[in-house]
Amino acid sequence: MNTTINAVKFKADPKLEKFVIEKVAKLDRLIDNATKCEVILKVDKPESDNNKIAELSLSLPGQTLFNSKQADTFEEAVADCVDSMKNQIDKYKERYK
């Protein structure tokens, strides 16, 4: 699966990119026909709490699964996205067996 990370209006730290790739790799083990995964990281309002947004888009044959989460840190938002995406993958598998 090809994974791309887009940081909107900031440069993502290499540690953050590594964390995202490791988390997204867990999804690849759950479903083998995923072609592409795109992760978008952005800051909502820099002066407020709970302002980090992670959006995850997973391309499957004939369908794209999407998830967006907001948290205090990018790591927390990405972890929440991956957990929610696992549920979506389970529903996708049940529907398209």
PDB file of N, CA and C in Angstrom:
ATOM      1  N   MET A   1       0.853  -1.184   0.000  1.00  0.00           N
ATOM      2  CA  MET A   1       0.000   0.000   0.000  1.00  0.00           C
ATOM      3  C   MET A   1       0.894   1.240   0.000  1.00  0.00           C
ATOM      4  N   ASN A   2       0.557   2.167  -0.838  1.00  0.00           N
ATOM      5  CA  ASN A   2       1.295   3.423  -0.946  1.00  0.00           C
ATOM      6  C   ASN A   2       0.711   4.428   0.056  1.00  0.00           C
ATOM      7  N   THR A   3       1.553   4.957   0.939  1.00  0.00           N
ATOM      8  CA  THR A   3       1.104   5.900   1.962  1.00  0.00           C
ATOM      9  C   THR A   3       1.729   7.262   1.720  1.00  0.00           C
ATOM     10  N   THR A   4       0.887   8.311   1.693  1.00  0.00           N
ATOM     11  CA  THR A   4       1.387   9.678   1.575  1.00  0.00           C
ATOM     12  C   THR A   4       0.925  10.476   2.786  1.00  0.00           C
ATOM     13  N   ILE A   5       1.818  11.363   3.239  1.00  0.00           N
ATOM     14  CA  ILE A   5       1.511  12.224   4.383  1.00  0.00           C
ATOM     15  C   ILE A   5       1.606  13.672   3.916  1.00  0.00           C
ATOM     16  N   ASN A   6       0.531  14.406   4.109  1.00  0.00           N
ATOM     17  CA  ASN A   6       0.508  15.823   3.755  1.00  0.00           C
ATOM     18  C   ASN A   6       0.311  16.644   5.024  1.00  0.00           C
ATOM     19  N   ALA A   7       1.277  17.502   5.315  1.00  0.00           N
ATOM     20  CA  ALA A   7       1.168  18.416   6.449  1.00  0.00           C
ATOM     21  C   ALA A   7       0.793  19.787   5.886  1.00  0.00           C
ATOM     22  N   VAL A   8      -0.352  20.286   6.286  1.00  0.00           N
ATOM     23  CA  VAL A   8      -0.871  21.547   5.759  1.00  0.00           C
ATOM     24  C   VAL A   8      -0.305  22.722   6.550  1.00  0.00           C
ATOM     25  N   LYS A   9       0.423  23.575   5.875  1.00  0.00           N
ATOM     26  CA  LYS A   9       0.989  24.815   6.413  1.00  0.00           C
ATOM     27  C   LYS A   9       2.031  24.607   7.511  1.00  0.00           C
ATOM     28  N   PHE A  10       2.653  23.423   7.565  1.00  0.00           N
ATOM     29  CA  PHE A  10       3.778  23.202   8.472  1.00  0.00           C
ATOM     30  C   PHE A  10       4.582  22.020   7.965  1.00  0.00           C
ATOM     31  N   LYS A  11       5.802  21.888   8.448  1.00  0.00           N
ATOM     32  CA  LYS A  11       6.689  20.785   8.073  1.00  0.00           C
ATOM     33  C   LYS A  11       6.606  19.731   9.166  1.00  0.00           C
ATOM     34  N   ALA A  12       6.186  18.533   8.792  1.00  0.00           N
ATOM     35  CA  ALA A  12       6.054  17.452   9.779  1.00  0.00           C
ATOM     36  C   ALA A  12       7.433  16.957  10.209  1.00  0.00           C
ATOM     37  N   ASP A  13       7.577  16.722  11.490  1.00  0.00           N
ATOM     38  CA  ASP A  13       8.806  16.186  12.060  1.00  0.00           C
ATOM     39  C   ASP A  13       9.005  14.744  11.565  1.00  0.00           C
ATOM     40  N   PRO A  14      10.234  14.324  11.311  1.00  0.00           N
ATOM     41  CA  PRO A  14      10.466  12.937  10.873  1.00  0.00           C
ATOM     42  C   PRO A  14       9.933  11.890  11.859  1.00  0.00           C
ATOM     43  N   LYS A  15       9.984  12.195  13.168  1.00  0.00           N
ATOM     44  CA  LYS A  15       9.434  11.256  14.163  1.00  0.00           C
ATOM     45  C   LYS A  15       7.921  11.110  13.995  1.00  0.00           C
ATOM     46  N   LEU A  16       7.247  12.218  13.701  1.00  0.00           N
ATOM     47  CA  LEU A  16       5.803  12.182  13.485  1.00  0.00           C
ATOM     48  C   LEU A  16       5.486  11.373  12.227  1.00  0.00           C
ATOM     49  N   GLU A  17       6.249  11.591  11.161  1.00  0.00           N
ATOM     50  CA  GLU A  17       6.024  10.841   9.918  1.00  0.00           C
ATOM     51  C   GLU A  17       6.235   9.345  10.147  1.00  0.00           C
ATOM     52  N   LYS A  18       7.253   8.983  10.898  1.00  0.00           N
ATOM     53  CA  LYS A  18       7.526   7.572  11.201  1.00  0.00           C
ATOM     54  C   LYS A  18       6.370   6.975  11.999  1.00  0.00           C
ATOM     55  N   PHE A  19       5.878   7.727  12.981  1.00  0.00           N
ATOM     56  CA  PHE A  19       4.750   7.273  13.793  1.00  0.00           C
ATOM     57  C   PHE A  19       3.524   7.012  12.915  1.00  0.00           C
ATOM     58  N   VAL A  20       3.227   7.946  12.017  1.00  0.00           N
ATOM     59  CA  VAL A  20       2.058   7.812  11.141  1.00  0.00           C
ATOM     60  C   VAL A  20       2.204   6.573  10.255  1.00  0.00           C
ATOM     61  N   ILE A  21       3.372   6.383   9.673  1.00  0.00           N
ATOM     62  CA  ILE A  21       3.593   5.236   8.782  1.00  0.00           C
ATOM     63  C   ILE A  21       3.448   3.921   9.550  1.00  0.00           C
ATOM     64  N   GLU A  22       3.967   3.865  10.769  1.00  0.00           N
ATOM     65  CA  GLU A  22       3.842   2.648  11.576  1.00  0.00           C
ATOM     66  C   GLU A  22       2.383   2.351  11.912  1.00  0.00           C
ATOM     67  N   LYS A  23       1.624   3.380  12.258  1.00  0.00           N
ATOM     68  CA  LYS A  23       0.211   3.184  12.602  1.00  0.00           C
ATOM     69  C   LYS A  23      -0.597   2.737  11.380  1.00  0.00           C
ATOM     70  N   VAL A  24      -0.348   3.382  10.238  1.00  0.00           N
ATOM     71  CA  VAL A  24      -1.097   3.064   9.023  1.00  0.00           C
ATOM     72  C   VAL A  24      -0.735   1.664   8.518  1.00  0.00           C
ATOM     73  N   ALA A  25       0.486   1.223   8.763  1.00  0.00           N
ATOM     74  CA  ALA A  25       0.904  -0.117   8.334  1.00  0.00           C
ATOM     75  C   ALA A  25       0.048  -1.199   8.982  1.00  0.00           C
ATOM     76  N   LYS A  26      -0.481  -0.928  10.166  1.00  0.00           N
ATOM     77  CA  LYS A  26      -1.361  -1.886  10.834  1.00  0.00           C
ATOM     78  C   LYS A  26      -2.638  -2.108  10.025  1.00  0.00           C
ATOM     79  N   LEU A  27      -3.097  -1.089   9.323  1.00  0.00           N
ATOM     80  CA  LEU A  27      -4.299  -1.230   8.493  1.00  0.00           C
ATOM     81  C   LEU A  27      -4.023  -2.143   7.305  1.00  0.00           C
ATOM     82  N   ASP A  28      -2.811  -2.079   6.790  1.00  0.00           N
ATOM     83  CA  ASP A  28      -2.447  -2.897   5.631  1.00  0.00           C
ATOM     84  C   ASP A  28      -2.521  -4.382   5.964  1.00  0.00           C
ATOM     85  N   ARG A  29      -2.284  -4.727   7.222  1.00  0.00           N
ATOM     86  CA  ARG A  29      -2.376  -6.122   7.645  1.00  0.00           C
ATOM     87  C   ARG A  29      -3.823  -6.591   7.738  1.00  0.00           C
ATOM     88  N   LEU A  30      -4.747  -5.654   7.952  1.00  0.00           N
ATOM     89  CA  LEU A  30      -6.158  -6.013   8.098  1.00  0.00           C
ATOM     90  C   LEU A  30      -6.840  -6.253   6.762  1.00  0.00           C
ATOM     91  N   ILE A  31      -6.421  -5.525   5.749  1.00  0.00           N
ATOM     92  CA  ILE A  31      -7.074  -5.638   4.442  1.00  0.00           C
ATOM     93  C   ILE A  31      -5.992  -5.629   3.366  1.00  0.00           C
ATOM     94  N   ASP A  32      -6.019  -6.627   2.516  1.00  0.00           N
ATOM     95  CA  ASP A  32      -4.917  -6.797   1.560  1.00  0.00           C
ATOM     96  C   ASP A  32      -5.138  -6.126   0.215  1.00  0.00           C
ATOM     97  N   ASN A  33      -6.339  -5.638  -0.071  1.00  0.00           N
ATOM     98  CA  ASN A  33      -6.572  -5.022  -1.375  1.00  0.00           C
ATOM     99  C   ASN A  33      -6.584  -3.490  -1.341  1.00  0.00           C
ATOM    100  N   ALA A  34      -6.052  -2.887  -0.273  1.00  0.00           N
ATOM    101  CA  ALA A  34      -5.939  -1.426  -0.199  1.00  0.00           C
ATOM    102  C   ALA A  34      -4.829  -0.973  -1.143  1.00  0.00           C
ATOM    103  N   THR A  35      -5.113   0.037  -1.943  1.00  0.00           N
ATOM    104  CA  THR A  35      -4.136   0.507  -2.917  1.00  0.00           C
ATOM    105  C   THR A  35      -3.375   1.740  -2.450  1.00  0.00           C
ATOM    106  N   LYS A  36      -4.058   2.631  -1.733  1.00  0.00           N
ATOM    107  CA  LYS A  36      -3.441   3.902  -1.357  1.00  0.00           C
ATOM    108  C   LYS A  36      -4.023   4.393  -0.043  1.00  0.00           C
ATOM    109  N   CYS A  37      -3.176   5.034   0.747  1.00  0.00           N
ATOM    110  CA  CYS A  37      -3.616   5.655   1.988  1.00  0.00           C
ATOM    111  C   CYS A  37      -3.042   7.067   2.031  1.00  0.00           C
ATOM    112  N   GLU A  38      -3.905   8.039   2.250  1.00  0.00           N
ATOM    113  CA  GLU A  38      -3.462   9.421   2.345  1.00  0.00           C
ATOM    114  C   GLU A  38      -3.812   9.962   3.726  1.00  0.00           C
ATOM    115  N   VAL A  39      -2.805  10.546   4.381  1.00  0.00           N
ATOM    116  CA  VAL A  39      -2.989  11.129   5.708  1.00  0.00           C
ATOM    117  C   VAL A  39      -2.736  12.628   5.595  1.00  0.00           C
ATOM    118  N   ILE A  40      -3.695  13.418   6.036  1.00  0.00           N
ATOM    119  CA  ILE A  40      -3.568  14.873   6.022  1.00  0.00           C
ATOM    120  C   ILE A  40      -3.540  15.350   7.468  1.00  0.00           C
ATOM    121  N   LEU A  41      -2.505  16.099   7.811  1.00  0.00           N
ATOM    122  CA  LEU A  41      -2.356  16.656   9.151  1.00  0.00           C
ATOM    123  C   LEU A  41      -2.489  18.172   9.066  1.00  0.00           C
ATOM    124  N   LYS A  42      -3.326  18.745   9.923  1.00  0.00           N
ATOM    125  CA  LYS A  42      -3.468  20.203   9.923  1.00  0.00           C
ATOM    126  C   LYS A  42      -3.824  20.705  11.311  1.00  0.00           C
ATOM    127  N   VAL A  43      -3.555  21.988  11.521  1.00  0.00           N
ATOM    128  CA  VAL A  43      -3.850  22.647  12.794  1.00  0.00           C
ATOM    129  C   VAL A  43      -5.070  23.527  12.581  1.00  0.00           C
ATOM    130  N   ASP A  44      -6.080  23.360  13.444  1.00  0.00           N
ATOM    131  CA  ASP A  44      -7.328  24.106  13.305  1.00  0.00           C
ATOM    132  C   ASP A  44      -7.137  25.562  13.713  1.00  0.00           C
ATOM    133  N   LYS A  45      -6.963  25.816  14.989  1.00  0.00           N
ATOM    134  CA  LYS A  45      -6.716  27.163  15.502  1.00  0.00           C
ATOM    135  C   LYS A  45      -5.513  27.056  16.427  1.00  0.00           C
ATOM    136  N   PRO A  46      -4.369  27.610  16.034  1.00  0.00           N
ATOM    137  CA  PRO A  46      -3.131  27.415  16.804  1.00  0.00           C
ATOM    138  C   PRO A  46      -3.215  27.833  18.270  1.00  0.00           C
ATOM    139  N   GLU A  47      -4.054  28.781  18.597  1.00  0.00           N
ATOM    140  CA  GLU A  47      -4.097  29.291  19.965  1.00  0.00           C
ATOM    141  C   GLU A  47      -5.014  28.491  20.886  1.00  0.00           C
ATOM    142  N   SER A  48      -5.761  27.527  20.364  1.00  0.00           N
ATOM    143  CA  SER A  48      -6.716  26.795  21.194  1.00  0.00           C
ATOM    144  C   SER A  48      -6.235  25.371  21.495  1.00  0.00           C
ATOM    145  N   ASP A  49      -6.888  24.751  22.472  1.00  0.00           N
ATOM    146  CA  ASP A  49      -6.605  23.354  22.800  1.00  0.00           C
ATOM    147  C   ASP A  49      -7.347  22.456  21.816  1.00  0.00           C
ATOM    148  N   ASN A  50      -6.960  21.181  21.788  1.00  0.00           N
ATOM    149  CA  ASN A  50      -7.637  20.191  20.957  1.00  0.00           C
ATOM    150  C   ASN A  50      -7.724  20.656  19.498  1.00  0.00           C
ATOM    151  N   ASN A  51      -6.589  21.125  18.967  1.00  0.00           N
ATOM    152  CA  ASN A  51      -6.605  21.777  17.658  1.00  0.00           C
ATOM    153  C   ASN A  51      -5.890  21.003  16.551  1.00  0.00           C
ATOM    154  N   LYS A  52      -5.408  19.796  16.822  1.00  0.00           N
ATOM    155  CA  LYS A  52      -4.703  19.011  15.811  1.00  0.00           C
ATOM    156  C   LYS A  52      -5.696  18.084  15.118  1.00  0.00           C
ATOM    157  N   ILE A  53      -5.722  18.123  13.791  1.00  0.00           N
ATOM    158  CA  ILE A  53      -6.663  17.325  13.008  1.00  0.00           C
ATOM    159  C   ILE A  53      -5.887  16.352  12.133  1.00  0.00           C
ATOM    160  N   ALA A  54      -6.328  15.105  12.143  1.00  0.00           N
ATOM    161  CA  ALA A  54      -5.780  14.084  11.254  1.00  0.00           C
ATOM    162  C   ALA A  54      -6.929  13.531  10.416  1.00  0.00           C
ATOM    163  N   GLU A  55      -6.717  13.508   9.093  1.00  0.00           N
ATOM    164  CA  GLU A  55      -7.699  12.939   8.183  1.00  0.00           C
ATOM    165  C   GLU A  55      -7.048  11.768   7.474  1.00  0.00           C
ATOM    166  N   LEU A  56      -7.730  10.649   7.433  1.00  0.00           N
ATOM    167  CA  LEU A  56      -7.186   9.442   6.833  1.00  0.00           C
ATOM    168  C   LEU A  56      -8.130   8.966   5.743  1.00  0.00           C
ATOM    169  N   SER A  57      -7.591   8.764   4.556  1.00  0.00           N
ATOM    170  CA  SER A  57      -8.370   8.303   3.411  1.00  0.00           C
ATOM    171  C   SER A  57      -7.733   7.018   2.887  1.00  0.00           C
ATOM    172  N   LEU A  58      -8.501   5.938   2.854  1.00  0.00           N
ATOM    173  CA  LEU A  58      -8.002   4.630   2.439  1.00  0.00           C
ATOM    174  C   LEU A  58      -8.725   4.211   1.165  1.00  0.00           C
ATOM    175  N   SER A  59      -7.975   4.031   0.082  1.00  0.00           N
ATOM    176  CA  SER A  59      -8.557   3.671  -1.213  1.00  0.00           C
ATOM    177  C   SER A  59      -8.605   2.162  -1.371  1.00  0.00           C
ATOM    178  N   LEU A  60      -9.810   1.666  -1.622  1.00  0.00           N
ATOM    179  CA  LEU A  60     -10.050   0.254  -1.865  1.00  0.00           C
ATOM    180  C   LEU A  60     -10.684   0.127  -3.247  1.00  0.00           C
ATOM    181  N   PRO A  61     -10.674  -1.055  -3.843  1.00  0.00           N
ATOM    182  CA  PRO A  61     -11.322  -1.208  -5.157  1.00  0.00           C
ATOM    183  C   PRO A  61     -12.801  -0.834  -5.103  1.00  0.00           C
ATOM    184  N   GLY A  62     -13.177   0.197  -5.825  1.00  0.00           N
ATOM    185  CA  GLY A  62     -14.570   0.615  -5.892  1.00  0.00           C
ATOM    186  C   GLY A  62     -15.051   1.483  -4.751  1.00  0.00           C
ATOM    187  N   GLN A  63     -14.201   1.758  -3.770  1.00  0.00           N
ATOM    188  CA  GLN A  63     -14.648   2.547  -2.620  1.00  0.00           C
ATOM    189  C   GLN A  63     -13.473   3.197  -1.908  1.00  0.00           C
ATOM    190  N   THR A  64     -13.744   4.332  -1.271  1.00  0.00           N
ATOM    191  CA  THR A  64     -12.754   5.011  -0.448  1.00  0.00           C
ATOM    192  C   THR A  64     -13.329   5.186   0.950  1.00  0.00           C
ATOM    193  N   LEU A  65     -12.579   4.737   1.938  1.00  0.00           N
ATOM    194  CA  LEU A  65     -12.991   4.919   3.332  1.00  0.00           C
ATOM    195  C   LEU A  65     -12.309   6.171   3.862  1.00  0.00           C
ATOM    196  N   PHE A  66     -13.038   6.984   4.614  1.00  0.00           N
ATOM    197  CA  PHE A  66     -12.507   8.260   5.112  1.00  0.00           C
ATOM    198  C   PHE A  66     -12.807   8.390   6.591  1.00  0.00           C
ATOM    199  N   ASN A  67     -11.855   9.006   7.293  1.00  0.00           N
ATOM    200  CA  ASN A  67     -12.028   9.239   8.718  1.00  0.00           C
ATOM    201  C   ASN A  67     -11.282  10.509   9.109  1.00  0.00           C
ATOM    202  N   SER A  68     -11.837  11.273  10.028  1.00  0.00           N
ATOM    203  CA  SER A  68     -11.200  12.488  10.512  1.00  0.00           C
ATOM    204  C   SER A  68     -11.371  12.567  12.025  1.00  0.00           C
ATOM    205  N   LYS A  69     -10.280  12.881  12.709  1.00  0.00           N
ATOM    206  CA  LYS A  69     -10.324  13.010  14.172  1.00  0.00           C
ATOM    207  C   LYS A  69      -9.559  14.245  14.603  1.00  0.00           C
ATOM    208  N   GLN A  70      -9.966  14.803  15.741  1.00  0.00           N
ATOM    209  CA  GLN A  70      -9.333  15.997  16.293  1.00  0.00           C
ATOM    210  C   GLN A  70      -8.908  15.693  17.724  1.00  0.00           C
ATOM    211  N   ALA A  71      -7.674  16.120  18.081  1.00  0.00           N
ATOM    212  CA  ALA A  71      -7.149  15.842  19.422  1.00  0.00           C
ATOM    213  C   ALA A  71      -6.119  16.901  19.801  1.00  0.00           C
ATOM    214  N   ASP A  72      -5.526  16.730  20.996  1.00  0.00           N
ATOM    215  CA  ASP A  72      -4.502  17.667  21.471  1.00  0.00           C
ATOM    216  C   ASP A  72      -3.168  17.484  20.750  1.00  0.00           C
ATOM    217  N   THR A  73      -2.872  16.254  20.308  1.00  0.00           N
ATOM    218  CA  THR A  73      -1.624  15.992  19.600  1.00  0.00           C
ATOM    219  C   THR A  73      -1.926  15.256  18.300  1.00  0.00           C
ATOM    220  N   PHE A  74      -1.007  15.354  17.340  1.00  0.00           N
ATOM    221  CA  PHE A  74      -1.181  14.641  16.084  1.00  0.00           C
ATOM    222  C   PHE A  74      -1.138  13.126  16.306  1.00  0.00           C
ATOM    223  N   GLU A  75      -0.276  12.686  17.227  1.00  0.00           N
ATOM    224  CA  GLU A  75      -0.179  11.254  17.496  1.00  0.00           C
ATOM    225  C   GLU A  75      -1.516  10.693  17.996  1.00  0.00           C
ATOM    226  N   GLU A  76      -2.143  11.428  18.889  1.00  0.00           N
ATOM    227  CA  GLU A  76      -3.434  11.005  19.431  1.00  0.00           C
ATOM    228  C   GLU A  76      -4.505  10.993  18.337  1.00  0.00           C
ATOM    229  N   ALA A  77      -4.519  12.016  17.496  1.00  0.00           N
ATOM    230  CA  ALA A  77      -5.505  12.106  16.417  1.00  0.00           C
ATOM    231  C   ALA A  77      -5.311  10.976  15.402  1.00  0.00           C
ATOM    232  N   VAL A  78      -4.058  10.683  15.055  1.00  0.00           N
ATOM    233  CA  VAL A  78      -3.781   9.607  14.102  1.00  0.00           C
ATOM    234  C   VAL A  78      -4.179   8.257  14.703  1.00  0.00           C
ATOM    235  N   ALA A  79      -3.844   8.027  15.962  1.00  0.00           N
ATOM    236  CA  ALA A  79      -4.207   6.767  16.620  1.00  0.00           C
ATOM    237  C   ALA A  79      -5.729   6.585  16.640  1.00  0.00           C
ATOM    238  N   ASP A  80      -6.463   7.662  16.935  1.00  0.00           N
ATOM    239  CA  ASP A  80      -7.932   7.595  16.932  1.00  0.00           C
ATOM    240  C   ASP A  80      -8.462   7.292  15.528  1.00  0.00           C
ATOM    241  N   CYS A  81      -7.863   7.906  14.518  1.00  0.00           N
ATOM    242  CA  CYS A  81      -8.267   7.670  13.130  1.00  0.00           C
ATOM    243  C   CYS A  81      -8.060   6.209  12.745  1.00  0.00           C
ATOM    244  N   VAL A  82      -6.909   5.675  13.096  1.00  0.00           N
ATOM    245  CA  VAL A  82      -6.600   4.288  12.749  1.00  0.00           C
ATOM    246  C   VAL A  82      -7.566   3.339  13.455  1.00  0.00           C
ATOM    247  N   ASP A  83      -7.868   3.597  14.722  1.00  0.00           N
ATOM    248  CA  ASP A  83      -8.817   2.753  15.454  1.00  0.00           C
ATOM    249  C   ASP A  83     -10.202   2.785  14.803  1.00  0.00           C
ATOM    250  N   SER A  84     -10.657   3.966  14.426  1.00  0.00           N
ATOM    251  CA  SER A  84     -11.961   4.085  13.771  1.00  0.00           C
ATOM    252  C   SER A  84     -11.947   3.436  12.393  1.00  0.00           C
ATOM    253  N   MET A  85     -10.821   3.545  11.700  1.00  0.00           N
ATOM    254  CA  MET A  85     -10.708   2.950  10.371  1.00  0.00           C
ATOM    255  C   MET A  85     -10.766   1.423  10.462  1.00  0.00           C
ATOM    256  N   LYS A  86     -10.241   0.856  11.547  1.00  0.00           N
ATOM    257  CA  LYS A  86     -10.322  -0.596  11.738  1.00  0.00           C
ATOM    258  C   LYS A  86     -11.786  -1.039  11.756  1.00  0.00           C
ATOM    259  N   ASN A  87     -12.641  -0.273  12.431  1.00  0.00           N
ATOM    260  CA  ASN A  87     -14.070  -0.589  12.469  1.00  0.00           C
ATOM    261  C   ASN A  87     -14.688  -0.480  11.077  1.00  0.00           C
ATOM    262  N   GLN A  88     -14.314   0.547  10.336  1.00  0.00           N
ATOM    263  CA  GLN A  88     -14.841   0.705   8.978  1.00  0.00           C
ATOM    264  C   GLN A  88     -14.394  -0.453   8.081  1.00  0.00           C
ATOM    265  N   ILE A  89     -13.155  -0.905   8.250  1.00  0.00           N
ATOM    266  CA  ILE A  89     -12.650  -2.020   7.453  1.00  0.00           C
ATOM    267  C   ILE A  89     -13.432  -3.293   7.776  1.00  0.00           C
ATOM    268  N   ASP A  90     -13.717  -3.516   9.058  1.00  0.00           N
ATOM    269  CA  ASP A  90     -14.504  -4.685   9.444  1.00  0.00           C
ATOM    270  C   ASP A  90     -15.887  -4.651   8.789  1.00  0.00           C
ATOM    271  N   LYS A  91     -16.534  -3.496   8.793  1.00  0.00           N
ATOM    272  CA  LYS A  91     -17.847  -3.360   8.158  1.00  0.00           C
ATOM    273  C   LYS A  91     -17.744  -3.559   6.654  1.00  0.00           C
ATOM    274  N   TYR A  92     -16.668  -3.044   6.045  1.00  0.00           N
ATOM    275  CA  TYR A  92     -16.450  -3.211   4.604  1.00  0.00           C
ATOM    276  C   TYR A  92     -16.297  -4.694   4.261  1.00  0.00           C
ATOM    277  N   LYS A  93     -15.522  -5.417   5.080  1.00  0.00           N
ATOM    278  CA  LYS A  93     -15.314  -6.852   4.839  1.00  0.00           C
ATOM    279  C   LYS A  93     -16.625  -7.627   4.941  1.00  0.00           C
ATOM    280  N   GLU A  94     -17.448  -7.293   5.940  1.00  0.00           N
ATOM    281  CA  GLU A  94     -18.743  -7.972   6.102  1.00  0.00           C
ATOM    282  C   GLU A  94     -19.655  -7.712   4.911  1.00  0.00           C
ATOM    283  N   ARG A  95     -19.642  -6.501   4.418  1.00  0.00           N
ATOM    284  CA  ARG A  95     -20.533  -6.098   3.343  1.00  0.00           C
ATOM    285  C   ARG A  95     -20.110  -6.700   1.997  1.00  0.00           C
ATOM    286  N   TYR A  96     -18.807  -6.835   1.767  1.00  0.00           N
ATOM    287  CA  TYR A  96     -18.320  -7.249   0.452  1.00  0.00           C
ATOM    288  C   TYR A  96     -17.696  -8.638   0.434  1.00  0.00           C
ATOM    289  N   LYS A  97     -18.115  -9.511   1.335  1.00  0.00           N
ATOM    290  CA  LYS A  97     -17.622 -10.900   1.320  1.00  0.00           C
ATOM    291  C   LYS A  97     -18.236 -11.682   0.217  1.00  0.00           C
TER     292      LYS A  97
END
